[in-house]
Amino acid sequence: MKIRQLSIFLENRAGRLAHVTGVLGKAGVNLLALSLADTTDFGILRVIVDDVETARRVLQENHIICMVNDVTAVEVADEPGGLARILELLLKNDVNVEYMYAFSQRQAGRAALVFRFDDPDKAVGALQEAGINVFAHVDLL
């Protein structure tokens, strides 16, 4: 189960993040999860939104560079060792984690993480075989 994520490229200067989130907000796009990584010159804002196509369109109309790619959202036990168990399973199945970030989950005792894998199909298969909940995009709404 793959979730579509927007990767938005930002110049690392004051106001760029406010501009992007303002554009999305004015278009009625809700941010469900996000991660921001930066270097000296630029940043990459990764977001999961409720309406990917509207978000992509309004960003492009405002000359904001973005790409859509697939990520996987996984339910993780919100307890010591919960993430370690997931990562050990992935390692055992020879799946590399390229990056990850957390997002808000409304179920008590559970956390949710967004992963970008080198082999998403293999990762999802291993996770589901181990009984780990993998979210569809609709589950996040």
Foldseek 3Di string as FASTA:
>chain_A
DWAKKKKWKAFPDPPGVVVLVVLCVVLVKAWFDWDWDDDNTMIIIITGIPDVVSSVVSCVVVVIDMDIDIKWKWKFFPDPCRVVVLVVLCVVLVKDWPDKDWGDDPDPRITMMITDIPDVVSSVVSCVVVVIDIDDSVVSD
